[in-house]
C-alpha atoms as a PDB file:
ATOM      1  CA  MET A   1     -25.686   1.008 -62.320  1.00  0.00           C
ATOM      2  CA  ASN A   2     -23.537  -1.983 -62.425  1.00  0.00           C
ATOM      3  CA  LYS A   3     -21.876  -3.738 -59.426  1.00  0.00           C
ATOM      4  CA  ALA A   4     -18.492  -1.923 -59.307  1.00  0.00           C
ATOM      5  CA  GLN A   5     -20.642   1.447 -59.470  1.00  0.00           C
ATOM      6  CA  ILE A   6     -22.491   0.515 -57.082  1.00  0.00           C
ATOM      7  CA  ILE A   7     -19.440  -0.301 -54.632  1.00  0.00           C
ATOM      8  CA  SER A   8     -17.922   2.915 -55.580  1.00  0.00           C
ATOM      9  CA  GLN A   9     -21.128   5.228 -54.770  1.00  0.00           C
ATOM     10  CA  TYR A  10     -22.020   3.858 -51.521  1.00  0.00           C
ATOM     11  CA  GLN A  11     -18.474   2.436 -49.924  1.00  0.00           C
ATOM     12  CA  PRO A  12     -17.988   5.990 -48.023  1.00  0.00           C
ATOM     13  CA  LEU A  13     -21.311   5.980 -46.797  1.00  0.00           C
ATOM     14  CA  LEU A  14     -21.211   2.657 -45.232  1.00  0.00           C
ATOM     15  CA  HIS A  15     -17.812   2.907 -43.996  1.00  0.00           C
ATOM     16  CA  THR A  16     -18.979   6.520 -42.202  1.00  0.00           C
ATOM     17  CA  ILE A  17     -21.677   4.256 -40.963  1.00  0.00           C
ATOM     18  CA  ALA A  18     -19.728   1.348 -39.837  1.00  0.00           C
ATOM     19  CA  TYR A  19     -16.815   3.776 -38.421  1.00  0.00           C
ATOM     20  CA  ASN A  20     -19.764   5.723 -36.138  1.00  0.00           C
ATOM     21  CA  LEU A  21     -20.793   2.485 -34.870  1.00  0.00           C
ATOM     22  CA  VAL A  22     -17.721   0.594 -33.490  1.00  0.00           C
ATOM     23  CA  ARG A  23     -15.017   3.694 -33.583  1.00  0.00           C
ATOM     24  CA  CYS A  24     -12.224   1.823 -35.484  1.00  0.00           C
ATOM     25  CA  LYS A  25     -11.160   2.416 -38.769  1.00  0.00           C
ATOM     26  CA  GLU A  26      -9.955  -0.718 -39.325  1.00  0.00           C
ATOM     27  CA  ASP A  27     -12.632  -2.757 -38.452  1.00  0.00           C
ATOM     28  CA  ALA A  28     -14.823  -0.587 -40.138  1.00  0.00           C
ATOM     29  CA  GLU A  29     -13.305  -1.297 -43.254  1.00  0.00           C
ATOM     30  CA  ASP A  30     -13.440  -5.219 -42.565  1.00  0.00           C
ATOM     31  CA  ILE A  31     -17.289  -4.635 -41.956  1.00  0.00           C
ATOM     32  CA  VAL A  32     -17.879  -2.927 -44.937  1.00  0.00           C
ATOM     33  CA  GLN A  33     -16.053  -5.125 -47.297  1.00  0.00           C
ATOM     34  CA  GLU A  34     -17.654  -8.685 -45.882  1.00  0.00           C
ATOM     35  CA  THR A  35     -21.190  -6.512 -46.197  1.00  0.00           C
ATOM     36  CA  PHE A  36     -20.113  -6.051 -49.970  1.00  0.00           C
ATOM     37  CA  VAL A  37     -18.747  -9.609 -50.361  1.00  0.00           C
ATOM     38  CA  LYS A  38     -22.049 -10.866 -48.853  1.00  0.00           C
ATOM     39  CA  TRP A  39     -24.165  -8.511 -51.180  1.00  0.00           C
ATOM     40  CA  LEU A  40     -22.180  -9.809 -54.233  1.00  0.00           C
ATOM     41  CA  SER A  41     -22.923 -13.242 -53.516  1.00  0.00           C
ATOM     42  CA  ILE A  42     -26.941 -13.055 -53.553  1.00  0.00           C
ATOM     43  CA  ASP A  43     -29.386 -12.544 -56.488  1.00  0.00           C
ATOM     44  CA  GLN A  44     -29.160  -8.645 -56.936  1.00  0.00           C
ATOM     45  CA  GLN A  45     -32.887  -8.877 -58.591  1.00  0.00           C
ATOM     46  CA  LYS A  46     -34.498  -9.751 -55.237  1.00  0.00           C
ATOM     47  CA  ILE A  47     -33.587  -6.510 -53.875  1.00  0.00           C
ATOM     48  CA  GLU A  48     -35.689  -3.766 -54.148  1.00  0.00           C
ATOM     49  CA  ASN A  49     -33.564  -0.999 -52.908  1.00  0.00           C
ATOM     50  CA  THR A  50     -29.889  -1.548 -52.839  1.00  0.00           C
ATOM     51  CA  LYS A  51     -29.004   1.227 -50.804  1.00  0.00           C
ATOM     52  CA  ALA A  52     -31.450   0.555 -48.015  1.00  0.00           C
ATOM     53  CA  TYR A  53     -30.266  -3.060 -48.139  1.00  0.00           C
ATOM     54  CA  LEU A  54     -26.605  -2.117 -47.659  1.00  0.00           C
ATOM     55  CA  ILE A  55     -27.125  -0.026 -44.982  1.00  0.00           C
ATOM     56  CA  ARG A  56     -29.116  -2.124 -42.808  1.00  0.00           C
ATOM     57  CA  ALA A  57     -26.709  -5.149 -44.170  1.00  0.00           C
ATOM     58  CA  VAL A  58     -23.185  -3.283 -42.559  1.00  0.00           C
ATOM     59  CA  THR A  59     -25.936  -1.858 -39.449  1.00  0.00           C
ATOM     60  CA  ASN A  60     -26.480  -5.546 -38.695  1.00  0.00           C
ATOM     61  CA  ASN A  61     -22.775  -6.317 -39.320  1.00  0.00           C
ATOM     62  CA  CYS A  62     -21.608  -3.601 -36.893  1.00  0.00           C
ATOM     63  CA  LEU A  63     -24.000  -4.798 -33.861  1.00  0.00           C
ATOM     64  CA  ASN A  64     -22.913  -8.393 -34.522  1.00  0.00           C
ATOM     65  CA  HIS A  65     -19.480  -7.134 -34.420  1.00  0.00           C
ATOM     66  CA  LEU A  66     -20.108  -4.836 -31.192  1.00  0.00           C
ATOM     67  CA  ASN A  67     -21.773  -8.216 -29.755  1.00  0.00           C
ATOM     68  CA  SER A  68     -18.638 -10.423 -30.676  1.00  0.00           C
ATOM     69  CA  LEU A  69     -16.743  -8.100 -28.687  1.00  0.00           C
ATOM     70  CA  ARG A  70     -18.844  -7.323 -25.357  1.00  0.00           C
ATOM     71  CA  LYS A  71     -19.053 -11.538 -25.130  1.00  0.00           C
ATOM     72  CA  LYS A  72     -15.162 -11.737 -25.360  1.00  0.00           C
ATOM     73  CA  LYS A  73     -14.820  -8.941 -22.586  1.00  0.00           C
ATOM     74  CA  GLU A  74     -17.211 -10.945 -20.487  1.00  0.00           C
ATOM     75  CA  GLU A  75     -15.231 -14.084 -20.928  1.00  0.00           C
ATOM     76  CA  TYR A  76     -11.883 -12.336 -20.347  1.00  0.00           C
ATOM     77  CA  ILE A  77     -13.622 -10.726 -16.932  1.00  0.00           C
ATOM     78  CA  ASP A  78     -14.449 -14.300 -16.618  1.00  0.00           C
ATOM     79  CA  ASN A  79     -11.495 -16.282 -16.738  1.00  0.00           C
ATOM     80  CA  VAL A  80      -9.394 -13.692 -14.555  1.00  0.00           C
ATOM     81  CA  SER A  81     -11.905 -14.001 -12.227  1.00  0.00           C
ATOM     82  CA  VAL A  82     -11.598 -17.572 -11.951  1.00  0.00           C
ATOM     83  CA  MET A  83      -7.910 -16.862 -11.400  1.00  0.00           C
ATOM     84  CA  ILE A  84      -8.003 -14.186  -9.058  1.00  0.00           C
ATOM     85  CA  LYS A  85     -10.703 -16.524  -6.964  1.00  0.00           C
ATOM     86  CA  HIS A  86      -8.212 -19.542  -6.688  1.00  0.00           C
ATOM     87  CA  PHE A  87      -5.648 -17.371  -5.928  1.00  0.00           C
ATOM     88  CA  LYS A  88      -7.661 -15.709  -2.826  1.00  0.00           C
ATOM     89  CA  GLU A  89      -8.155 -19.340  -2.213  1.00  0.00           C
ATOM     90  CA  THR A  90      -4.208 -19.977  -1.381  1.00  0.00           C
ATOM     91  CA  ASN A  91      -1.568 -18.074   0.106  1.00  0.00           C
ATOM     92  CA  LEU A  92      -1.201 -16.414  -3.250  1.00  0.00           C
ATOM     93  CA  ALA A  93      -3.809 -13.966  -2.147  1.00  0.00           C
ATOM     94  CA  HIS A  94      -2.056 -10.894  -1.688  1.00  0.00           C
ATOM     95  CA  LEU A  95      -0.423 -11.241  -4.678  1.00  0.00           C
ATOM     96  CA  ASP A  96      -1.358  -9.337  -7.915  1.00  0.00           C
ATOM     97  CA  MET A  97      -1.695 -11.118 -11.384  1.00  0.00           C
ATOM     98  CA  ASP A  98       1.692 -10.571 -12.443  1.00  0.00           C
ATOM     99  CA  THR A  99       3.338 -11.768  -9.161  1.00  0.00           C
ATOM    100  CA  ALA A 100       0.848 -14.918  -9.443  1.00  0.00           C
ATOM    101  CA  ILE A 101       2.271 -15.458 -13.052  1.00  0.00           C
ATOM    102  CA  LYS A 102       5.488 -14.890 -11.794  1.00  0.00           C
ATOM    103  CA  VAL A 103       4.894 -17.385  -8.723  1.00  0.00           C
ATOM    104  CA  LEU A 104       3.454 -20.264 -11.355  1.00  0.00           C
ATOM    105  CA  HIS A 105       6.735 -20.099 -12.784  1.00  0.00           C
ATOM    106  CA  ALA A 106       9.244 -20.177 -10.219  1.00  0.00           C
ATOM    107  CA  LYS A 107       6.787 -23.035  -7.990  1.00  0.00           C
ATOM    108  CA  LEU A 108       5.888 -25.361 -10.559  1.00  0.00           C
ATOM    109  CA  GLU A 109       7.711 -27.615 -13.177  1.00  0.00           C
ATOM    110  CA  PRO A 110       6.281 -26.474 -16.802  1.00  0.00           C
ATOM    111  CA  LEU A 111       4.098 -29.763 -17.285  1.00  0.00           C
ATOM    112  CA  GLU A 112       2.431 -28.720 -13.679  1.00  0.00           C
ATOM    113  CA  ARG A 113       1.850 -25.250 -14.695  1.00  0.00           C
ATOM    114  CA  ALA A 114      -0.006 -26.360 -18.429  1.00  0.00           C
ATOM    115  CA  VAL A 115      -1.954 -28.915 -16.651  1.00  0.00           C
ATOM    116  CA  TYR A 116      -2.923 -26.337 -13.755  1.00  0.00           C
ATOM    117  CA  LEU A 117      -3.482 -23.356 -16.154  1.00  0.00           C
ATOM    118  CA  LEU A 118      -5.669 -25.004 -18.412  1.00  0.00           C
ATOM    119  CA  LYS A 119      -7.928 -27.073 -15.960  1.00  0.00           C
ATOM    120  CA  GLU A 120      -8.369 -24.186 -13.192  1.00  0.00           C
ATOM    121  CA  VAL A 121      -8.639 -20.908 -15.271  1.00  0.00           C
ATOM    122  CA  PHE A 122      -9.671 -21.996 -18.850  1.00  0.00           C
ATOM    123  CA  ASP A 123     -12.181 -25.143 -17.452  1.00  0.00           C
ATOM    124  CA  PHE A 124     -10.477 -28.166 -19.536  1.00  0.00           C
ATOM    125  CA  ASP A 125     -11.312 -31.250 -18.629  1.00  0.00           C
ATOM    126  CA  TYR A 126      -9.160 -34.417 -17.906  1.00  0.00           C
ATOM    127  CA  GLU A 127      -9.999 -35.619 -21.793  1.00  0.00           C
ATOM    128  CA  GLU A 128      -8.770 -32.457 -23.021  1.00  0.00           C
ATOM    129  CA  LEU A 129      -5.436 -32.472 -21.226  1.00  0.00           C
ATOM    130  CA  GLN A 130      -4.889 -35.793 -21.957  1.00  0.00           C
ATOM    131  CA  GLN A 131      -4.984 -35.088 -25.625  1.00  0.00           C
ATOM    132  CA  THR A 132      -3.378 -31.552 -25.501  1.00  0.00           C
ATOM    133  CA  PHE A 133      -0.341 -33.069 -23.391  1.00  0.00           C
ATOM    134  CA  ASP A 134      -0.552 -36.657 -24.932  1.00  0.00           C
ATOM    135  CA  LYS A 135      -0.341 -37.755 -20.751  1.00  0.00           C
ATOM    136  CA  LYS A 136      -2.812 -40.047 -19.236  1.00  0.00           C
ATOM    137  CA  LYS A 137      -5.624 -38.879 -17.773  1.00  0.00           C
ATOM    138  CA  ASP A 138      -4.691 -40.324 -13.985  1.00  0.00           C
ATOM    139  CA  HIS A 139      -1.531 -38.822 -14.914  1.00  0.00           C
ATOM    140  CA  CYS A 140      -3.062 -35.052 -15.626  1.00  0.00           C
ATOM    141  CA  ARG A 141      -4.781 -35.351 -12.411  1.00  0.00           C
ATOM    142  CA  GLN A 142      -1.882 -36.147 -10.430  1.00  0.00           C
ATOM    143  CA  LEU A 143      -0.138 -32.950 -11.798  1.00  0.00           C
ATOM    144  CA  PHE A 144      -2.876 -30.899 -11.022  1.00  0.00           C
ATOM    145  CA  PHE A 145      -3.036 -31.950  -7.227  1.00  0.00           C
ATOM    146  CA  ARG A 146       0.582 -31.651  -6.996  1.00  0.00           C
ATOM    147  CA  ALA A 147       0.544 -28.124  -8.571  1.00  0.00           C
ATOM    148  CA  LYS A 148      -2.058 -26.927  -5.953  1.00  0.00           C
ATOM    149  CA  LYS A 149      -0.564 -28.569  -3.438  1.00  0.00           C
ATOM    150  CA  LYS A 150       2.797 -26.782  -4.070  1.00  0.00           C
ATOM    151  CA  LEU A 151       1.148 -23.626  -4.629  1.00  0.00           C
ATOM    152  CA  ASN A 152      -0.319 -23.981  -0.967  1.00  0.00           C
ATOM    153  CA  GLU A 153       3.255 -23.918   0.409  1.00  0.00           C
ATOM    154  CA  GLU A 154       5.177 -20.821   1.450  1.00  0.00           C
ATOM    155  CA  THR A 155       5.805 -18.284  -1.310  1.00  0.00           C
ATOM    156  CA  SER A 156       8.183 -15.729   0.460  1.00  0.00           C
ATOM    157  CA  LYS A 157      11.727 -17.030  -0.418  1.00  0.00           C
ATOM    158  CA  ILE A 158      11.347 -17.835  -4.155  1.00  0.00           C
ATOM    159  CA  ASP A 159      13.255 -15.803  -6.847  1.00  0.00           C
ATOM    160  CA  LEU A 160      10.666 -14.686  -9.187  1.00  0.00           C
ATOM    161  CA  PRO A 161      11.596 -15.194 -12.986  1.00  0.00           C
ATOM    162  CA  ASP A 162      10.907 -12.650 -16.089  1.00  0.00           C
ATOM    163  CA  THR A 163       7.282 -14.089 -17.432  1.00  0.00           C
ATOM    164  CA  SER A 164       6.163 -11.165 -19.456  1.00  0.00           C
ATOM    165  CA  LYS A 165       6.026 -12.955 -23.008  1.00  0.00           C
ATOM    166  CA  PHE A 166       4.178 -15.749 -21.393  1.00  0.00           C
ATOM    167  CA  LEU A 167       2.037 -12.898 -19.649  1.00  0.00           C
ATOM    168  CA  GLU A 168       1.165 -12.063 -22.785  1.00  0.00           C
ATOM    169  CA  SER A 169       0.035 -15.124 -24.253  1.00  0.00           C
ATOM    170  CA  PHE A 170      -2.293 -15.690 -20.980  1.00  0.00           C
ATOM    171  CA  ARG A 171      -4.020 -12.161 -21.410  1.00  0.00           C
ATOM    172  CA  ASN A 172      -4.314 -12.839 -25.046  1.00  0.00           C
ATOM    173  CA  ALA A 173      -5.917 -16.247 -24.429  1.00  0.00           C
ATOM    174  CA  CYS A 174      -8.351 -14.971 -21.763  1.00  0.00           C
ATOM    175  CA  HIS A 175      -9.225 -12.004 -23.725  1.00  0.00           C
ATOM    176  CA  PHE A 176      -9.962 -13.497 -26.928  1.00  0.00           C
ATOM    177  CA  GLY A 177     -11.191 -17.012 -25.447  1.00  0.00           C
ATOM    178  CA  ASN A 178      -8.501 -19.093 -27.648  1.00  0.00           C
ATOM    179  CA  ALA A 179      -5.987 -20.686 -25.697  1.00  0.00           C
ATOM    180  CA  SER A 180      -3.750 -21.968 -28.702  1.00  0.00           C
ATOM    181  CA  ASP A 181      -1.076 -19.844 -28.650  1.00  0.00           C
ATOM    182  CA  LEU A 182      -0.744 -20.253 -24.604  1.00  0.00           C
ATOM    183  CA  ILE A 183      -0.856 -23.482 -25.120  1.00  0.00           C
ATOM    184  CA  GLN A 184       2.026 -23.545 -27.355  1.00  0.00           C
ATOM    185  CA  GLU A 185       3.899 -21.558 -25.013  1.00  0.00           C
ATOM    186  CA  LEU A 186       3.350 -23.931 -22.500  1.00  0.00           C
ATOM    187  CA  LYS A 187       4.711 -26.738 -24.607  1.00  0.00           C
ATOM    188  CA  LYS A 188       7.521 -24.695 -25.562  1.00  0.00           C
ATOM    189  CA  ASP A 189       8.290 -24.434 -21.704  1.00  0.00           C
ATOM    190  CA  ILE A 190       7.866 -28.156 -21.210  1.00  0.00           C
ATOM    191  CA  ASN A 191      10.092 -29.141 -24.000  1.00  0.00           C
ATOM    192  CA  THR A 192      12.861 -26.371 -23.405  1.00  0.00           C
ATOM    193  CA  ALA A 193      12.771 -27.773 -19.587  1.00  0.00           C
ATOM    194  CA  ILE A 194      12.833 -31.719 -21.226  1.00  0.00           C
ATOM    195  CA  SER A 195      15.994 -30.687 -23.381  1.00  0.00           C
ATOM    196  CA  LYS A 196      17.990 -29.038 -20.350  1.00  0.00           C
ATOM    197  CA  LYS A 197      17.774 -32.542 -18.937  1.00  0.00           C
ATOM    198  CA  PHE A 198      19.481 -34.197 -21.649  1.00  0.00           C
END
């Protein structure tokens, strides 16, 4: 059999195996495709049993995928736990996550909020904050401590804004372990605030 025939013959079997393991049609299709791409890139002569090789490869790829999802879930839980832990240490303890994010928006200036969230929740150091926002480390440090001070002030008399889009970016950053979309959202808030001043 040529390569096209092998792919045609084993694709349904591999897809069934992948789907039974990952329980998601799109992920299963991606894993099977990646398995075939890798198989096509190696020396076929070294494979004694093509069917067994492909089954083992797709199974391993599925297990790696599931491990990756588990780690991302753990990171999400850890990030949310850090946020909740901090809120418990302030007078935001009685608030749920949605309300807490609204309080951050209501009480903090955009740059304060950006520095605070990236440092407190995503563990950015001052060097990374300096590079992200093009601000000196000392300035970032001041912004962070100013934000903490503001958050510890009375919260009962503030109007809470709509933060649904921001909250989605925040949750995605926690869930996928990549804060780039959240950083863009934070920078957009900063730029909007600057443009309103002029």
